[in-house]
N, C-alpha and C. Protein backbone atom coordinates (compact mmCIF):
# COMPACT_ATOMS: atom_id res chain seq x y z
N MET A 1 127.45 95.26 124.05
CA MET A 1 126.52 95.54 123.77
C MET A 1 125.18 95.92 123.96
N THR A 2 125.37 97.01 125.30
CA THR A 2 123.71 97.20 125.81
C THR A 2 122.45 97.20 124.79
N GLU A 3 121.41 97.07 125.01
CA GLU A 3 120.20 97.48 123.87
C GLU A 3 119.33 98.70 125.16
N THR A 4 119.51 99.40 123.89
CA THR A 4 118.90 100.62 124.45
C THR A 4 116.98 100.54 124.62
N THR A 5 116.72 101.97 125.22
CA THR A 5 115.11 102.03 125.57
C THR A 5 113.80 101.61 124.20
N SER A 6 114.45 101.80 122.95
CA SER A 6 113.70 101.48 122.22
C SER A 6 113.83 100.08 121.42
N GLN A 7 114.66 99.97 121.30
CA GLN A 7 115.34 98.69 120.99
C GLN A 7 114.61 97.79 122.46
N ALA A 8 114.63 97.92 123.76
CA ALA A 8 113.71 97.12 124.34
C ALA A 8 112.47 97.45 124.48
N ARG A 9 111.12 98.52 124.45
CA ARG A 9 110.12 98.30 123.49
C ARG A 9 109.45 97.65 122.82
N ARG A 10 110.26 97.26 121.31
CA ARG A 10 109.95 97.03 120.00
C ARG A 10 109.97 95.91 119.92
N ARG A 11 111.07 95.62 120.98
CA ARG A 11 111.34 93.94 121.63
C ARG A 11 109.95 93.05 122.64
N GLU A 12 109.74 93.87 123.41
CA GLU A 12 108.13 93.44 124.16
C GLU A 12 107.37 93.81 123.44
N LEU A 13 107.60 94.81 122.52
CA LEU A 13 105.70 94.52 121.03
C LEU A 13 105.53 93.82 120.95
N LEU A 14 107.34 93.13 120.01
CA LEU A 14 107.03 92.25 119.35
C LEU A 14 106.75 91.22 119.69
N GLU A 15 106.65 90.56 120.97
CA GLU A 15 106.49 89.83 122.08
C GLU A 15 105.20 89.74 122.17
N ALA A 16 104.48 90.85 122.25
CA ALA A 16 102.92 91.09 122.75
C ALA A 16 102.15 90.64 121.59
N ILE A 17 102.60 90.85 120.52
CA ILE A 17 101.55 90.72 119.49
C ILE A 17 102.86 89.50 118.58
N ARG A 18 103.39 88.72 119.63
CA ARG A 18 103.31 87.07 119.51
C ARG A 18 102.10 86.51 120.20
N ALA A 19 102.16 86.95 121.35
CA ALA A 19 101.56 86.07 122.53
C ALA A 19 100.56 86.23 122.12
N ALA A 20 99.83 87.48 121.37
CA ALA A 20 98.07 87.07 121.20
C ALA A 20 98.41 88.05 119.68
N PRO A 21 98.33 87.17 118.89
CA PRO A 21 98.29 87.57 117.15
C PRO A 21 96.94 87.81 116.94
N GLY A 22 96.87 88.55 115.79
CA GLY A 22 96.17 89.00 115.31
C GLY A 22 96.28 90.37 115.68
N ASP A 23 94.78 91.43 114.93
CA ASP A 23 95.61 93.19 114.02
C ASP A 23 95.32 93.79 115.70
N TRP A 24 96.42 94.28 115.77
CA TRP A 24 97.51 95.22 116.35
C TRP A 24 96.92 96.72 115.37
N THR A 25 96.41 98.04 116.21
CA THR A 25 96.14 99.51 116.29
C THR A 25 97.23 100.41 117.20
N THR A 26 97.26 101.49 115.97
CA THR A 26 98.20 102.02 117.67
C THR A 26 98.10 102.33 118.81
N GLY A 27 96.56 102.76 119.20
CA GLY A 27 95.61 102.93 120.16
C GLY A 27 96.46 101.68 121.49
N GLN A 28 96.52 100.40 120.47
CA GLN A 28 96.46 99.12 121.22
C GLN A 28 97.77 99.17 121.91
N VAL A 29 99.10 99.58 120.81
CA VAL A 29 100.40 99.52 121.13
C VAL A 29 100.31 100.64 122.17
N ARG A 30 99.76 101.58 122.16
CA ARG A 30 99.67 103.22 123.15
C ARG A 30 99.51 102.11 124.68
N LYS A 31 98.36 102.02 124.66
CA LYS A 31 97.62 101.34 125.93
C LYS A 31 98.64 100.44 126.53
N LEU A 32 99.33 99.27 125.75
CA LEU A 32 100.34 98.43 126.35
C LEU A 32 101.45 99.34 126.99
N TYR A 33 101.69 99.96 126.17
CA TYR A 33 102.73 100.86 126.53
C TYR A 33 102.51 101.72 128.04
N GLU A 34 101.86 102.25 127.89
CA GLU A 34 100.84 102.78 129.13
C GLU A 34 100.88 102.05 130.92
N ALA A 35 100.60 100.59 130.10
CA ALA A 35 100.44 99.54 130.83
C ALA A 35 101.84 99.16 131.76
N ASN A 36 102.65 99.27 130.37
CA ASN A 36 104.28 99.04 130.89
C ASN A 36 104.57 99.90 131.54
N GLY A 37 105.08 101.60 131.76
CA GLY A 37 105.31 102.49 132.28
C GLY A 37 105.97 103.69 131.43
N TRP A 38 105.70 102.63 130.00
CA TRP A 38 106.69 103.80 129.07
C TRP A 38 105.76 105.05 128.36
N GLY A 39 104.29 105.38 128.75
CA GLY A 39 104.48 106.80 128.35
C GLY A 39 103.11 106.24 127.28
N PRO A 40 101.70 106.88 127.51
CA PRO A 40 101.22 106.58 126.62
C PRO A 40 100.97 107.90 125.37
N ASN A 41 102.26 108.01 124.70
CA ASN A 41 103.03 108.40 123.45
C ASN A 41 102.58 108.06 121.76
N ARG A 42 101.29 108.58 121.90
CA ARG A 42 100.94 107.59 120.37
C ARG A 42 101.77 108.19 119.24
N SER A 43 102.95 109.04 119.46
CA SER A 43 103.26 108.48 118.17
C SER A 43 104.46 108.49 118.20
N VAL A 44 105.51 107.73 119.57
CA VAL A 44 106.16 106.58 119.54
C VAL A 44 105.31 104.81 119.36
N ALA A 45 104.07 104.82 119.79
CA ALA A 45 103.68 103.62 119.24
C ALA A 45 103.78 103.72 117.68
N ARG A 46 103.22 104.51 117.04
CA ARG A 46 103.26 104.24 115.42
C ARG A 46 104.53 104.63 115.07
N ALA A 47 105.05 105.29 115.65
CA ALA A 47 106.79 104.63 114.47
C ALA A 47 107.36 103.40 115.13
N ASP A 48 107.01 102.50 116.33
CA ASP A 48 107.36 101.54 116.91
C ASP A 48 107.30 100.65 116.02
N LEU A 49 105.69 100.73 115.04
CA LEU A 49 104.76 100.42 114.62
C LEU A 49 105.59 100.17 112.95
N ARG A 50 106.00 100.91 112.71
CA ARG A 50 106.50 101.53 111.25
C ARG A 50 107.99 100.69 111.58
N HIS A 51 108.84 101.39 112.21
CA HIS A 51 109.81 100.15 112.92
C HIS A 51 110.13 98.90 112.18
N LEU A 52 109.10 98.54 112.96
CA LEU A 52 108.87 97.01 113.20
C LEU A 52 108.25 95.97 111.89
N THR A 53 107.53 97.47 110.98
CA THR A 53 107.22 97.45 109.47
C THR A 53 107.95 97.08 108.33
N GLU A 54 109.16 98.18 108.72
CA GLU A 54 109.93 98.46 107.57
C GLU A 54 111.05 97.45 107.92
N ASP A 55 111.21 96.67 108.90
CA ASP A 55 112.29 95.75 109.30
C ASP A 55 111.42 93.70 108.82
N GLY A 56 109.74 94.36 108.27
CA GLY A 56 109.47 93.05 107.21
C GLY A 56 108.74 92.31 108.66
N LEU A 57 108.77 92.53 109.81
CA LEU A 57 107.83 91.79 110.64
C LEU A 57 106.72 91.55 111.20
N LEU A 58 106.11 92.67 111.28
CA LEU A 58 104.43 93.47 110.76
C LEU A 58 104.13 92.94 109.05
N LEU A 59 102.52 93.27 109.03
CA LEU A 59 102.20 93.49 107.89
C LEU A 59 100.85 95.03 108.13
N GLU A 60 101.26 95.83 107.15
CA GLU A 60 99.89 97.33 107.55
C GLU A 60 98.95 95.93 106.96
N ILE A 61 97.96 96.68 107.42
CA ILE A 61 96.53 96.37 106.85
C ILE A 61 95.81 97.14 106.93
N GLY A 62 95.09 98.40 105.52
CA GLY A 62 94.39 98.74 105.92
C GLY A 62 94.22 99.77 105.46
N ALA A 63 93.47 101.38 104.94
CA ALA A 63 93.50 102.70 104.65
C ALA A 63 94.57 102.90 106.10
N GLU A 64 95.58 104.31 105.32
CA GLU A 64 96.50 105.16 106.24
C GLU A 64 95.18 105.52 107.49
N ASN A 65 94.12 105.71 107.40
CA ASN A 65 93.51 106.28 108.86
C ASN A 65 92.45 105.97 109.13
N ALA A 66 92.80 104.18 109.03
CA ALA A 66 92.31 103.09 109.79
C ALA A 66 93.38 101.66 109.63
N ARG A 67 94.45 102.27 109.74
CA ARG A 67 95.24 100.45 110.02
C ARG A 67 95.52 99.92 110.41
N SER A 68 95.87 98.88 110.71
CA SER A 68 95.67 98.25 111.84
C SER A 68 97.54 97.26 110.78
N TYR A 69 97.70 96.60 112.18
CA TYR A 69 99.26 96.34 111.91
C TYR A 69 99.10 94.44 112.64
N ARG A 70 99.67 93.72 111.87
CA ARG A 70 99.54 92.47 112.21
C ARG A 70 100.72 91.47 111.71
N LEU A 71 101.06 90.05 112.11
CA LEU A 71 102.59 89.73 112.92
C LEU A 71 102.68 89.16 110.98
N ASN A 72 104.54 88.84 110.41
CA ASN A 72 104.12 88.54 109.58
C ASN A 72 104.95 87.35 109.27
N ALA A 73 104.09 86.16 109.24
CA ALA A 73 104.70 85.09 109.57
C ALA A 73 105.82 84.51 108.45
N ALA A 74 105.10 84.94 107.87
CA ALA A 74 106.47 84.09 106.72
C ALA A 74 107.65 85.12 106.80
N ARG A 75 108.13 86.13 107.56
CA ARG A 75 109.54 86.40 108.49
C ARG A 75 109.30 86.12 110.38
N ASP A 76 108.71 85.46 110.47
CA ASP A 76 108.75 84.49 111.43
C ASP A 76 110.04 83.83 112.34
N PRO A 77 110.59 83.83 112.78
CA PRO A 77 111.74 82.83 113.28
C PRO A 77 110.98 81.28 113.89
N ARG A 78 110.32 81.72 114.42
CA ARG A 78 109.11 81.54 115.48
C ARG A 78 108.37 80.34 114.75
N LEU A 79 107.55 80.32 113.53
CA LEU A 79 106.76 79.59 113.49
C LEU A 79 107.20 78.71 112.08
N GLY A 80 108.30 78.66 111.69
CA GLY A 80 109.12 77.67 110.87
C GLY A 80 108.70 78.68 110.17
N HIS A 81 109.01 77.60 108.20
CA HIS A 81 108.72 77.92 107.39
C HIS A 81 107.71 77.61 105.90
N GLY A 82 106.65 77.63 106.94
CA GLY A 82 105.34 77.15 106.27
C GLY A 82 104.78 75.51 106.67
N TRP A 83 105.37 74.74 105.73
CA TRP A 83 105.37 73.36 106.18
C TRP A 83 106.14 72.30 106.83
N GLN A 84 106.59 73.07 107.59
CA GLN A 84 107.11 72.41 109.31
C GLN A 84 106.57 72.86 110.28
N THR A 85 106.58 72.29 111.39
CA THR A 85 105.80 72.77 112.44
C THR A 85 106.80 73.33 113.75
N PRO A 86 106.77 74.19 113.91
CA PRO A 86 108.27 74.98 114.97
C PRO A 86 108.37 73.79 115.71
N ALA A 87 109.75 73.95 115.90
CA ALA A 87 110.61 72.99 116.26
C ALA A 87 110.78 72.75 118.11
N ASP A 88 109.54 73.78 118.70
CA ASP A 88 110.27 74.51 120.02
C ASP A 88 109.79 73.15 121.15
N ALA A 89 109.44 71.64 121.02
CA ALA A 89 109.48 70.99 122.10
C ALA A 89 110.45 70.11 121.67
N LEU A 90 111.50 68.98 122.77
CA LEU A 90 112.74 68.22 121.99
C LEU A 90 111.76 67.02 121.84
N ASN A 91 110.43 66.55 122.40
CA ASN A 91 110.63 65.80 121.56
C ASN A 91 109.59 65.62 120.33
N ARG A 92 109.19 66.75 119.45
CA ARG A 92 108.66 66.79 118.73
C ARG A 92 108.71 66.80 117.44
N ALA A 93 108.57 66.44 116.47
CA ALA A 93 108.38 65.70 115.31
C ALA A 93 108.58 66.64 113.90
N LYS A 94 109.32 66.92 113.08
CA LYS A 94 109.39 67.86 112.19
C LYS A 94 108.26 67.10 111.13
N HIS A 95 107.22 67.95 110.50
CA HIS A 95 106.18 67.14 109.57
C HIS A 95 107.08 67.54 108.31
N ARG A 96 106.86 66.31 107.88
CA ARG A 96 107.23 66.66 105.90
C ARG A 96 106.10 66.19 105.00
N PRO A 97 106.13 66.75 104.06
CA PRO A 97 105.19 65.79 103.45
C PRO A 97 105.33 64.96 102.95
N ARG A 98 105.00 63.96 102.96
CA ARG A 98 104.63 62.37 101.87
C ARG A 98 104.59 62.72 101.04
N ARG A 99 105.72 61.65 100.16
CA ARG A 99 105.68 61.40 98.20
C ARG A 99 104.91 60.49 97.94
N ARG A 100 104.31 60.73 97.07
CA ARG A 100 103.71 59.20 96.36
C ARG A 100 104.21 59.12 95.17
């Protein structure tokens, strides 16, 4: 199955948000799209953010006219399960709370 343009664009957006965590606005996403040659279309940026939010990967922060988006750490498989460290390195041991 081949990846559509919108799926590729959303995947690149999610990777960019993971690389630079924090609050992302529609304007920042539009600038990212413009830099990658996808065109500076604000409605597409807004739709992609909405799609990732509906999938549970992003959280909406703020009022509708000043909304920003943040990575949902609870749903990101790359961040582990909260109390464990991600197992991305080969020799990294997982941390588990010590029982008393």
